[in-house]
């Protein structure tokens, strides 16, 4: 079996590559990324390939050359570097996914696994208390990542209608934690106090990185298809997170936070703008019933246990 993995040099990509290389030494793993992966240190069944996912011609050539039976599409920009344009982000996240779909269909690929995101549901006050996979995907106009993931899912839905022979496994993770993870959400927990928004629970669901890797591996091994939220059992409120951290919890009025961020971000005193208000106030809280009952995977950690494991790993 030949498996093409895009974004193979990324946080999840590297772990998945190592897991599959060890568990399936007879598989050929095509590790594609715009960041160079040298053959040194890689298992013998891993083939590093330079690929700019935003260039459809490169994607077509890569898939046509390697003729994979399955593609795991991980390539995405979660935290854009300063100065990256929205057009460039769109070309990577949305254009890259469309290029992968087109190349997969043209070359008779049997299975496509895509990591979408819980962010595709969007950040809205009317979100369900526990969001199911059948709830609407609305993204968010102020968050490129959420907006793009919503559009990606629209492209995938069209492909399911038009090309049913291409099996799709679409995964929507909540906040991914792990021993080495570091992102804008984990930054919230490293401040002297945990800031919240008055009148909002700001509930978080967490999934351990090795759970994400194991779910993708199981999906490949069983040629699974479907759409699944990835989250541990339960959720943690920001006030509970502050209690675990032993830090004060300070819920502030939404108007005060919005004004402060609007002033501080242009001065370079905050990495967040006023649009981050909805991101914190209306967290999509993912239900994992289908993951456990239909896909047949039970995460090793609850949301609370994943957070505690993250704290222990990062001291």
C-alpha atoms as a PDB file:
ATOM      1  CA  UNK A   1       0.000   0.000   0.000  1.00  0.00           C
ATOM      2  CA  UNK A   2       1.140   3.518  -0.841  1.00  0.00           C
ATOM      3  CA  UNK A   3      -0.016   6.402   1.338  1.00  0.00           C
ATOM      4  CA  UNK A   4       0.613  10.057   0.489  1.00  0.00           C
ATOM      5  CA  UNK A   5       0.750  12.333   3.543  1.00  0.00           C
ATOM      6  CA  UNK A   6       0.614  16.092   2.977  1.00  0.00           C
ATOM      7  CA  UNK A   7       1.911  18.343   5.735  1.00  0.00           C
ATOM      8  CA  UNK A   8       4.191  15.482   6.771  1.00  0.00           C
ATOM      9  CA  UNK A   9       6.699  17.836   8.430  1.00  0.00           C
ATOM     10  CA  UNK A  10       4.033  19.297  10.712  1.00  0.00           C
ATOM     11  CA  UNK A  11       3.199  18.545  14.335  1.00  0.00           C
ATOM     12  CA  UNK A  12       0.750  15.703  13.635  1.00  0.00           C
ATOM     13  CA  UNK A  13       2.381  14.756  10.329  1.00  0.00           C
ATOM     14  CA  UNK A  14       5.723  13.781  11.863  1.00  0.00           C
ATOM     15  CA  UNK A  15       4.061  11.668  14.542  1.00  0.00           C
ATOM     16  CA  UNK A  16       1.809   9.948  12.016  1.00  0.00           C
ATOM     17  CA  UNK A  17       4.759   9.265   9.742  1.00  0.00           C
ATOM     18  CA  UNK A  18       6.719   7.590  12.562  1.00  0.00           C
ATOM     19  CA  UNK A  19       3.689   5.596  13.717  1.00  0.00           C
ATOM     20  CA  UNK A  20       2.824   4.241  10.275  1.00  0.00           C
ATOM     21  CA  UNK A  21       6.464   3.540   9.383  1.00  0.00           C
ATOM     22  CA  UNK A  22       6.852   1.360  12.467  1.00  0.00           C
ATOM     23  CA  UNK A  23       3.453  -0.320  12.413  1.00  0.00           C
ATOM     24  CA  UNK A  24       3.380  -0.954   8.654  1.00  0.00           C
ATOM     25  CA  UNK A  25       6.942  -1.434   7.384  1.00  0.00           C
ATOM     26  CA  UNK A  26       5.664  -2.822   4.056  1.00  0.00           C
ATOM     27  CA  UNK A  27       3.694   0.304   3.255  1.00  0.00           C
ATOM     28  CA  UNK A  28       5.326   3.056   1.177  1.00  0.00           C
ATOM     29  CA  UNK A  29       4.796   6.416   2.836  1.00  0.00           C
ATOM     30  CA  UNK A  30       5.171   9.478   0.619  1.00  0.00           C
ATOM     31  CA  UNK A  31       5.975  12.312   3.036  1.00  0.00           C
ATOM     32  CA  UNK A  32       5.080  15.529   1.195  1.00  0.00           C
ATOM     33  CA  UNK A  33       5.656  19.030   2.550  1.00  0.00           C
ATOM     34  CA  UNK A  34       6.886  22.443   1.447  1.00  0.00           C
ATOM     35  CA  UNK A  35       9.440  22.149   4.253  1.00  0.00           C
ATOM     36  CA  UNK A  36      12.275  19.787   3.280  1.00  0.00           C
ATOM     37  CA  UNK A  37      12.376  16.376   4.928  1.00  0.00           C
ATOM     38  CA  UNK A  38      15.780  14.779   4.542  1.00  0.00           C
ATOM     39  CA  UNK A  39      15.993  11.015   4.156  1.00  0.00           C
ATOM     40  CA  UNK A  40      18.438  10.891   7.060  1.00  0.00           C
ATOM     41  CA  UNK A  41      16.705   9.528  10.133  1.00  0.00           C
ATOM     42  CA  UNK A  42      13.626   8.396   8.219  1.00  0.00           C
ATOM     43  CA  UNK A  43      12.528   4.761   8.054  1.00  0.00           C
ATOM     44  CA  UNK A  44      13.391   2.911   4.826  1.00  0.00           C
ATOM     45  CA  UNK A  45       9.738   2.890   3.719  1.00  0.00           C
ATOM     46  CA  UNK A  46       9.426   6.709   3.825  1.00  0.00           C
ATOM     47  CA  UNK A  47       9.913   8.743   0.656  1.00  0.00           C
ATOM     48  CA  UNK A  48      10.356  12.509   1.320  1.00  0.00           C
ATOM     49  CA  UNK A  49       8.874  14.760  -1.379  1.00  0.00           C
ATOM     50  CA  UNK A  50       8.936  18.556  -1.683  1.00  0.00           C
ATOM     51  CA  UNK A  51       5.408  19.774  -2.417  1.00  0.00           C
ATOM     52  CA  UNK A  52       3.793  23.205  -2.416  1.00  0.00           C
ATOM     53  CA  UNK A  53       0.169  22.274  -1.821  1.00  0.00           C
ATOM     54  CA  UNK A  54      -0.992  25.650  -3.156  1.00  0.00           C
ATOM     55  CA  UNK A  55       0.273  24.765  -6.661  1.00  0.00           C
ATOM     56  CA  UNK A  56      -2.260  22.461  -8.396  1.00  0.00           C
ATOM     57  CA  UNK A  57       0.238  21.392 -11.072  1.00  0.00           C
ATOM     58  CA  UNK A  58       2.664  20.168  -8.396  1.00  0.00           C
ATOM     59  CA  UNK A  59      -0.116  18.287  -6.636  1.00  0.00           C
ATOM     60  CA  UNK A  60      -1.269  16.630  -9.873  1.00  0.00           C
ATOM     61  CA  UNK A  61       2.272  15.592 -10.735  1.00  0.00           C
ATOM     62  CA  UNK A  62       2.935  14.193  -7.233  1.00  0.00           C
ATOM     63  CA  UNK A  63      -0.216  12.063  -7.144  1.00  0.00           C
ATOM     64  CA  UNK A  64       0.233  10.897 -10.741  1.00  0.00           C
ATOM     65  CA  UNK A  65       3.857   9.897 -10.066  1.00  0.00           C
ATOM     66  CA  UNK A  66       3.289   7.968  -6.842  1.00  0.00           C
ATOM     67  CA  UNK A  67      -0.219   6.596  -7.506  1.00  0.00           C
ATOM     68  CA  UNK A  68      -1.152   6.259  -3.824  1.00  0.00           C
ATOM     69  CA  UNK A  69      -4.099   4.121  -2.737  1.00  0.00           C
ATOM     70  CA  UNK A  70      -4.815   6.576   0.095  1.00  0.00           C
ATOM     71  CA  UNK A  71      -4.081  10.241   0.821  1.00  0.00           C
ATOM     72  CA  UNK A  72      -3.912  11.778   4.301  1.00  0.00           C
ATOM     73  CA  UNK A  73      -4.295  15.521   3.827  1.00  0.00           C
ATOM     74  CA  UNK A  74      -2.901  17.368   6.860  1.00  0.00           C
ATOM     75  CA  UNK A  75      -1.396  20.428   5.169  1.00  0.00           C
ATOM     76  CA  UNK A  76      -2.917  23.616   6.578  1.00  0.00           C
ATOM     77  CA  UNK A  77      -1.951  26.893   8.247  1.00  0.00           C
ATOM     78  CA  UNK A  78      -3.212  27.048  11.821  1.00  0.00           C
ATOM     79  CA  UNK A  79      -1.233  30.095  12.991  1.00  0.00           C
ATOM     80  CA  UNK A  80      -0.270  32.255   9.999  1.00  0.00           C
ATOM     81  CA  UNK A  81       3.152  33.908  10.103  1.00  0.00           C
ATOM     82  CA  UNK A  82       3.112  37.695  10.272  1.00  0.00           C
ATOM     83  CA  UNK A  83       2.490  39.214   6.866  1.00  0.00           C
ATOM     84  CA  UNK A  84       0.921  36.160   5.196  1.00  0.00           C
ATOM     85  CA  UNK A  85      -1.970  37.390   3.062  1.00  0.00           C
ATOM     86  CA  UNK A  86      -5.482  35.986   3.177  1.00  0.00           C
ATOM     87  CA  UNK A  87      -5.115  35.081  -0.495  1.00  0.00           C
ATOM     88  CA  UNK A  88      -2.060  32.960   0.310  1.00  0.00           C
ATOM     89  CA  UNK A  89      -3.858  31.306   3.233  1.00  0.00           C
ATOM     90  CA  UNK A  90      -6.827  30.537   0.994  1.00  0.00           C
ATOM     91  CA  UNK A  91      -4.566  29.079  -1.688  1.00  0.00           C
ATOM     92  CA  UNK A  92      -3.032  26.695   0.855  1.00  0.00           C
ATOM     93  CA  UNK A  93      -6.076  25.690   2.886  1.00  0.00           C
ATOM     94  CA  UNK A  94      -8.858  25.731   0.299  1.00  0.00           C
ATOM     95  CA  UNK A  95      -7.018  25.628  -3.005  1.00  0.00           C
ATOM     96  CA  UNK A  96      -4.684  22.918  -1.737  1.00  0.00           C
ATOM     97  CA  UNK A  97      -7.588  20.724  -0.640  1.00  0.00           C
ATOM     98  CA  UNK A  98      -9.347  21.176  -3.987  1.00  0.00           C
ATOM     99  CA  UNK A  99      -6.129  20.239  -5.794  1.00  0.00           C
ATOM    100  CA  UNK A 100      -5.853  17.096  -3.675  1.00  0.00           C
ATOM    101  CA  UNK A 101      -9.486  16.164  -4.400  1.00  0.00           C
ATOM    102  CA  UNK A 102      -9.038  16.689  -8.148  1.00  0.00           C
ATOM    103  CA  UNK A 103      -5.789  14.709  -8.276  1.00  0.00           C
ATOM    104  CA  UNK A 104      -7.275  11.892  -6.181  1.00  0.00           C
ATOM    105  CA  UNK A 105     -10.271  11.575  -8.497  1.00  0.00           C
ATOM    106  CA  UNK A 106      -8.125  11.748 -11.656  1.00  0.00           C
ATOM    107  CA  UNK A 107      -5.823   8.980 -10.428  1.00  0.00           C
ATOM    108  CA  UNK A 108      -8.354   6.606  -8.901  1.00  0.00           C
ATOM    109  CA  UNK A 109      -7.271   7.072  -5.274  1.00  0.00           C
ATOM    110  CA  UNK A 110      -9.472   4.918  -3.045  1.00  0.00           C
ATOM    111  CA  UNK A 111      -9.492   6.887   0.211  1.00  0.00           C
ATOM    112  CA  UNK A 112      -8.995  10.498   1.255  1.00  0.00           C
ATOM    113  CA  UNK A 113      -8.538  11.389   4.939  1.00  0.00           C
ATOM    114  CA  UNK A 114      -8.766  15.100   5.728  1.00  0.00           C
ATOM    115  CA  UNK A 115      -8.181  16.853   9.038  1.00  0.00           C
ATOM    116  CA  UNK A 116     -10.748  19.625   9.137  1.00  0.00           C
ATOM    117  CA  UNK A 117     -11.452  21.322  12.477  1.00  0.00           C
ATOM    118  CA  UNK A 118     -14.118  21.971  15.060  1.00  0.00           C
ATOM    119  CA  UNK A 119     -13.576  25.607  14.060  1.00  0.00           C
ATOM    120  CA  UNK A 120     -15.618  24.858  10.918  1.00  0.00           C
ATOM    121  CA  UNK A 121     -18.768  24.974  13.076  1.00  0.00           C
ATOM    122  CA  UNK A 122     -17.972  28.588  13.917  1.00  0.00           C
ATOM    123  CA  UNK A 123     -18.159  30.721  17.058  1.00  0.00           C
ATOM    124  CA  UNK A 124     -21.761  31.733  17.686  1.00  0.00           C
ATOM    125  CA  UNK A 125     -24.006  32.237  20.717  1.00  0.00           C
ATOM    126  CA  UNK A 126     -26.611  29.871  19.252  1.00  0.00           C
ATOM    127  CA  UNK A 127     -24.174  26.935  18.979  1.00  0.00           C
ATOM    128  CA  UNK A 128     -25.622  23.759  20.468  1.00  0.00           C
ATOM    129  CA  UNK A 129     -24.459  22.913  23.978  1.00  0.00           C
ATOM    130  CA  UNK A 130     -22.844  19.791  22.485  1.00  0.00           C
ATOM    131  CA  UNK A 131     -22.219  19.991  18.746  1.00  0.00           C
ATOM    132  CA  UNK A 132     -22.967  16.896  16.674  1.00  0.00           C
ATOM    133  CA  UNK A 133     -21.502  16.165  13.249  1.00  0.00           C
ATOM    134  CA  UNK A 134     -24.881  16.939  11.645  1.00  0.00           C
ATOM    135  CA  UNK A 135     -24.991  20.489  13.045  1.00  0.00           C
ATOM    136  CA  UNK A 136     -24.429  23.289  10.499  1.00  0.00           C
ATOM    137  CA  UNK A 137     -20.960  24.456   9.482  1.00  0.00           C
ATOM    138  CA  UNK A 138     -20.818  28.259   9.494  1.00  0.00           C
ATOM    139  CA  UNK A 139     -17.158  29.193   9.953  1.00  0.00           C
ATOM    140  CA  UNK A 140     -16.657  32.810  10.994  1.00  0.00           C
ATOM    141  CA  UNK A 141     -16.126  35.896   8.863  1.00  0.00           C
ATOM    142  CA  UNK A 142     -13.387  37.282  11.129  1.00  0.00           C
ATOM    143  CA  UNK A 143     -11.332  34.070  11.425  1.00  0.00           C
ATOM    144  CA  UNK A 144      -9.610  32.967   8.250  1.00  0.00           C
ATOM    145  CA  UNK A 145      -8.930  29.497   9.651  1.00  0.00           C
ATOM    146  CA  UNK A 146     -12.590  28.853  10.559  1.00  0.00           C
ATOM    147  CA  UNK A 147     -13.822  30.427   7.325  1.00  0.00           C
ATOM    148  CA  UNK A 148     -11.456  28.356   5.207  1.00  0.00           C
ATOM    149  CA  UNK A 149     -12.240  25.095   7.002  1.00  0.00           C
ATOM    150  CA  UNK A 150     -15.926  25.704   6.359  1.00  0.00           C
ATOM    151  CA  UNK A 151     -15.208  26.214   2.652  1.00  0.00           C
ATOM    152  CA  UNK A 152     -12.974  23.125   2.591  1.00  0.00           C
ATOM    153  CA  UNK A 153     -15.845  21.081   3.980  1.00  0.00           C
ATOM    154  CA  UNK A 154     -18.140  22.470   1.279  1.00  0.00           C
ATOM    155  CA  UNK A 155     -15.668  21.298  -1.387  1.00  0.00           C
ATOM    156  CA  UNK A 156     -15.471  17.864   0.258  1.00  0.00           C
ATOM    157  CA  UNK A 157     -19.267  17.587   0.368  1.00  0.00           C
ATOM    158  CA  UNK A 158     -19.436  18.356  -3.362  1.00  0.00           C
ATOM    159  CA  UNK A 159     -16.831  15.665  -4.031  1.00  0.00           C
ATOM    160  CA  UNK A 160     -18.862  13.121  -2.043  1.00  0.00           C
ATOM    161  CA  UNK A 161     -21.874  13.843  -4.263  1.00  0.00           C
ATOM    162  CA  UNK A 162     -19.980  13.867  -7.550  1.00  0.00           C
ATOM    163  CA  UNK A 163     -17.342  11.189  -6.888  1.00  0.00           C
ATOM    164  CA  UNK A 164     -18.768   8.573  -4.488  1.00  0.00           C
ATOM    165  CA  UNK A 165     -16.006   6.091  -5.357  1.00  0.00           C
ATOM    166  CA  UNK A 166     -13.536   8.239  -3.431  1.00  0.00           C
ATOM    167  CA  UNK A 167     -14.070   7.277   0.191  1.00  0.00           C
ATOM    168  CA  UNK A 168     -13.758  10.242   2.540  1.00  0.00           C
ATOM    169  CA  UNK A 169     -12.864  10.224   6.221  1.00  0.00           C
ATOM    170  CA  UNK A 170     -13.267  13.773   7.535  1.00  0.00           C
ATOM    171  CA  UNK A 171     -11.985  14.489  11.041  1.00  0.00           C
ATOM    172  CA  UNK A 172     -12.936  17.583  13.062  1.00  0.00           C
ATOM    173  CA  UNK A 173     -10.585  17.863  16.068  1.00  0.00           C
ATOM    174  CA  UNK A 174     -11.165  20.076  19.065  1.00  0.00           C
ATOM    175  CA  UNK A 175      -8.121  21.670  20.677  1.00  0.00           C
ATOM    176  CA  UNK A 176      -5.178  19.269  20.250  1.00  0.00           C
ATOM    177  CA  UNK A 177      -2.840  18.937  23.223  1.00  0.00           C
ATOM    178  CA  UNK A 178       0.393  16.981  23.474  1.00  0.00           C
ATOM    179  CA  UNK A 179       3.792  16.893  25.105  1.00  0.00           C
ATOM    180  CA  UNK A 180       5.275  19.455  22.708  1.00  0.00           C
ATOM    181  CA  UNK A 181       2.266  21.421  21.512  1.00  0.00           C
ATOM    182  CA  UNK A 182       2.460  25.218  21.628  1.00  0.00           C
ATOM    183  CA  UNK A 183      -0.142  27.482  20.029  1.00  0.00           C
ATOM    184  CA  UNK A 184      -2.360  30.504  20.646  1.00  0.00           C
ATOM    185  CA  UNK A 185      -4.689  28.488  22.888  1.00  0.00           C
ATOM    186  CA  UNK A 186      -1.961  27.034  25.101  1.00  0.00           C
ATOM    187  CA  UNK A 187      -0.560  30.584  25.352  1.00  0.00           C
ATOM    188  CA  UNK A 188      -3.765  31.555  27.177  1.00  0.00           C
ATOM    189  CA  UNK A 189      -2.856  29.183  29.993  1.00  0.00           C
ATOM    190  CA  UNK A 190       0.676  30.537  30.472  1.00  0.00           C
ATOM    191  CA  UNK A 191      -0.315  34.022  31.640  1.00  0.00           C
ATOM    192  CA  UNK A 192      -0.229  35.046  35.301  1.00  0.00           C
ATOM    193  CA  UNK A 193      -4.028  34.958  35.397  1.00  0.00           C
ATOM    194  CA  UNK A 194      -6.637  33.251  33.232  1.00  0.00           C
ATOM    195  CA  UNK A 195      -8.777  35.894  31.562  1.00  0.00           C
ATOM    196  CA  UNK A 196     -12.383  35.126  30.709  1.00  0.00           C
ATOM    197  CA  UNK A 197     -15.465  36.956  29.530  1.00  0.00           C
ATOM    198  CA  UNK A 198     -18.296  37.792  31.880  1.00  0.00           C
ATOM    199  CA  UNK A 199     -21.435  35.772  31.197  1.00  0.00           C
ATOM    200  CA  UNK A 200     -19.614  33.075  29.197  1.00  0.00           C
ATOM    201  CA  UNK A 201     -18.539  29.600  30.305  1.00  0.00           C
ATOM    202  CA  UNK A 202     -15.896  29.374  27.524  1.00  0.00           C
ATOM    203  CA  UNK A 203     -15.838  25.583  27.566  1.00  0.00           C
ATOM    204  CA  UNK A 204     -12.917  23.757  25.944  1.00  0.00           C
ATOM    205  CA  UNK A 205     -12.767  20.200  24.628  1.00  0.00           C
ATOM    206  CA  UNK A 206      -9.309  18.645  24.274  1.00  0.00           C
ATOM    207  CA  UNK A 207      -7.959  15.692  22.313  1.00  0.00           C
ATOM    208  CA  UNK A 208      -4.495  14.202  22.868  1.00  0.00           C
ATOM    209  CA  UNK A 209      -2.185  14.283  19.844  1.00  0.00           C
ATOM    210  CA  UNK A 210      -1.521  10.533  19.963  1.00  0.00           C
ATOM    211  CA  UNK A 211      -5.280   9.940  19.831  1.00  0.00           C
ATOM    212  CA  UNK A 212      -5.434  11.915  16.585  1.00  0.00           C
ATOM    213  CA  UNK A 213      -2.583   9.835  15.161  1.00  0.00           C
ATOM    214  CA  UNK A 214      -4.190   6.558  16.256  1.00  0.00           C
ATOM    215  CA  UNK A 215      -7.551   7.553  14.754  1.00  0.00           C
ATOM    216  CA  UNK A 216      -5.928   8.309  11.382  1.00  0.00           C
ATOM    217  CA  UNK A 217      -4.025   5.010  11.497  1.00  0.00           C
ATOM    218  CA  UNK A 218      -7.222   3.104  12.300  1.00  0.00           C
ATOM    219  CA  UNK A 219      -8.972   4.930   9.475  1.00  0.00           C
ATOM    220  CA  UNK A 220      -6.306   3.796   7.010  1.00  0.00           C
ATOM    221  CA  UNK A 221      -6.244   0.219   8.281  1.00  0.00           C
ATOM    222  CA  UNK A 222     -10.009  -0.187   7.995  1.00  0.00           C
ATOM    223  CA  UNK A 223     -10.546   2.002   4.893  1.00  0.00           C
ATOM    224  CA  UNK A 224     -13.064   3.936   7.001  1.00  0.00           C
ATOM    225  CA  UNK A 225     -15.284   6.713   5.766  1.00  0.00           C
ATOM    226  CA  UNK A 226     -17.546   9.228   7.475  1.00  0.00           C
ATOM    227  CA  UNK A 227     -17.337  12.474   9.432  1.00  0.00           C
ATOM    228  CA  UNK A 228     -16.261  12.489  13.070  1.00  0.00           C
ATOM    229  CA  UNK A 229     -15.576  15.018  15.819  1.00  0.00           C
ATOM    230  CA  UNK A 230     -12.349  14.336  17.704  1.00  0.00           C
ATOM    231  CA  UNK A 231     -12.596  15.186  21.397  1.00  0.00           C
ATOM    232  CA  UNK A 232     -12.121  13.550  24.749  1.00  0.00           C
ATOM    233  CA  UNK A 233     -15.103  13.043  27.026  1.00  0.00           C
ATOM    234  CA  UNK A 234     -16.354  16.123  28.840  1.00  0.00           C
ATOM    235  CA  UNK A 235     -15.307  19.774  28.650  1.00  0.00           C
ATOM    236  CA  UNK A 236     -13.461  22.248  30.874  1.00  0.00           C
ATOM    237  CA  UNK A 237     -14.656  25.761  31.642  1.00  0.00           C
ATOM    238  CA  UNK A 238     -12.029  28.499  31.762  1.00  0.00           C
ATOM    239  CA  UNK A 239     -12.779  28.902  35.471  1.00  0.00           C
ATOM    240  CA  UNK A 240     -12.007  25.187  35.987  1.00  0.00           C
ATOM    241  CA  UNK A 241      -8.792  25.527  33.982  1.00  0.00           C
ATOM    242  CA  UNK A 242      -7.730  28.433  36.197  1.00  0.00           C
ATOM    243  CA  UNK A 243      -8.457  26.340  39.290  1.00  0.00           C
ATOM    244  CA  UNK A 244      -6.329  23.458  37.982  1.00  0.00           C
ATOM    245  CA  UNK A 245      -3.512  25.895  37.192  1.00  0.00           C
ATOM    246  CA  UNK A 246      -3.774  27.495  40.624  1.00  0.00           C
ATOM    247  CA  UNK A 247      -4.154  30.911  38.988  1.00  0.00           C
ATOM    248  CA  UNK A 248      -6.759  33.613  39.493  1.00  0.00           C
ATOM    249  CA  UNK A 249      -9.684  33.632  37.078  1.00  0.00           C
ATOM    250  CA  UNK A 250     -10.631  37.124  35.928  1.00  0.00           C
ATOM    251  CA  UNK A 251     -13.791  37.390  33.816  1.00  0.00           C
ATOM    252  CA  UNK A 252     -13.942  40.854  32.257  1.00  0.00           C
ATOM    253  CA  UNK A 253     -16.764  42.644  30.416  1.00  0.00           C
ATOM    254  CA  UNK A 254     -16.784  41.878  26.693  1.00  0.00           C
ATOM    255  CA  UNK A 255     -16.801  45.593  25.780  1.00  0.00           C
ATOM    256  CA  UNK A 256     -13.722  46.278  27.887  1.00  0.00           C
ATOM    257  CA  UNK A 257     -11.746  43.418  26.308  1.00  0.00           C
ATOM    258  CA  UNK A 258     -12.774  44.422  22.777  1.00  0.00           C
ATOM    259  CA  UNK A 259     -11.680  48.039  23.326  1.00  0.00           C
ATOM    260  CA  UNK A 260      -8.375  47.015  24.893  1.00  0.00           C
ATOM    261  CA  UNK A 261      -7.508  44.612  22.061  1.00  0.00           C
ATOM    262  CA  UNK A 262      -8.477  47.179  19.444  1.00  0.00           C
ATOM    263  CA  UNK A 263      -5.948  49.575  20.976  1.00  0.00           C
ATOM    264  CA  UNK A 264      -3.172  47.133  21.864  1.00  0.00           C
ATOM    265  CA  UNK A 265      -2.859  45.055  18.689  1.00  0.00           C
ATOM    266  CA  UNK A 266      -1.843  47.930  16.340  1.00  0.00           C
ATOM    267  CA  UNK A 267       0.828  48.879  18.865  1.00  0.00           C
ATOM    268  CA  UNK A 268       2.229  45.334  18.867  1.00  0.00           C
ATOM    269  CA  UNK A 269       1.335  44.905  22.544  1.00  0.00           C
ATOM    270  CA  UNK A 270      -1.074  42.037  21.883  1.00  0.00           C
ATOM    271  CA  UNK A 271      -1.101  39.233  19.318  1.00  0.00           C
ATOM    272  CA  UNK A 272      -4.915  39.232  19.462  1.00  0.00           C
ATOM    273  CA  UNK A 273      -7.431  41.660  17.987  1.00  0.00           C
ATOM    274  CA  UNK A 274     -11.048  42.365  18.994  1.00  0.00           C
ATOM    275  CA  UNK A 275     -12.200  39.561  16.696  1.00  0.00           C
ATOM    276  CA  UNK A 276     -10.767  37.090  19.215  1.00  0.00           C
ATOM    277  CA  UNK A 277     -13.694  37.855  21.494  1.00  0.00           C
ATOM    278  CA  UNK A 278     -16.034  35.381  19.785  1.00  0.00           C
ATOM    279  CA  UNK A 279     -13.205  32.826  19.607  1.00  0.00           C
ATOM    280  CA  UNK A 280     -13.091  32.746  23.396  1.00  0.00           C
ATOM    281  CA  UNK A 281     -16.729  33.500  24.173  1.00  0.00           C
ATOM    282  CA  UNK A 282     -18.535  30.981  21.916  1.00  0.00           C
ATOM    283  CA  UNK A 283     -16.330  27.900  21.838  1.00  0.00           C
ATOM    284  CA  UNK A 284     -17.741  25.012  19.736  1.00  0.00           C
ATOM    285  CA  UNK A 285     -18.067  22.129  22.236  1.00  0.00           C
ATOM    286  CA  UNK A 286     -17.767  18.871  20.289  1.00  0.00           C
ATOM    287  CA  UNK A 287     -19.726  15.720  21.105  1.00  0.00           C
ATOM    288  CA  UNK A 288     -17.741  12.503  20.552  1.00  0.00           C
ATOM    289  CA  UNK A 289     -20.558   9.929  20.591  1.00  0.00           C
ATOM    290  CA  UNK A 290     -20.204   9.040  16.902  1.00  0.00           C
ATOM    291  CA  UNK A 291     -16.431   8.650  17.254  1.00  0.00           C
ATOM    292  CA  UNK A 292     -16.949   6.056  19.987  1.00  0.00           C
ATOM    293  CA  UNK A 293     -20.058   4.287  18.717  1.00  0.00           C
ATOM    294  CA  UNK A 294     -19.743   4.444  14.929  1.00  0.00           C
ATOM    295  CA  UNK A 295     -16.010   4.742  14.262  1.00  0.00           C
ATOM    296  CA  UNK A 296     -15.174   2.503  17.211  1.00  0.00           C
ATOM    297  CA  UNK A 297     -12.492   4.551  18.944  1.00  0.00           C
ATOM    298  CA  UNK A 298     -12.485   5.713  22.542  1.00  0.00           C
ATOM    299  CA  UNK A 299      -9.946   8.482  23.283  1.00  0.00           C
ATOM    300  CA  UNK A 300      -7.412   7.490  25.921  1.00  0.00           C
ATOM    301  CA  UNK A 301      -7.886  10.774  27.788  1.00  0.00           C
ATOM    302  CA  UNK A 302     -10.932  12.813  28.742  1.00  0.00           C
ATOM    303  CA  UNK A 303     -10.655  16.554  28.126  1.00  0.00           C
ATOM    304  CA  UNK A 304      -9.653  17.024  31.768  1.00  0.00           C
ATOM    305  CA  UNK A 305      -7.084  14.195  31.674  1.00  0.00           C
ATOM    306  CA  UNK A 306      -5.600  15.539  28.433  1.00  0.00           C
ATOM    307  CA  UNK A 307      -5.158  18.958  30.040  1.00  0.00           C
ATOM    308  CA  UNK A 308      -3.503  17.430  33.116  1.00  0.00           C
ATOM    309  CA  UNK A 309      -1.184  15.342  30.913  1.00  0.00           C
ATOM    310  CA  UNK A 310      -0.276  18.491  28.973  1.00  0.00           C
ATOM    311  CA  UNK A 311       0.598  20.322  32.184  1.00  0.00           C
ATOM    312  CA  UNK A 312       2.696  17.428  33.471  1.00  0.00           C
ATOM    313  CA  UNK A 313       4.580  17.110  30.177  1.00  0.00           C
ATOM    314  CA  UNK A 314       5.321  20.842  29.971  1.00  0.00           C
ATOM    315  CA  UNK A 315       6.058  21.239  33.699  1.00  0.00           C
END
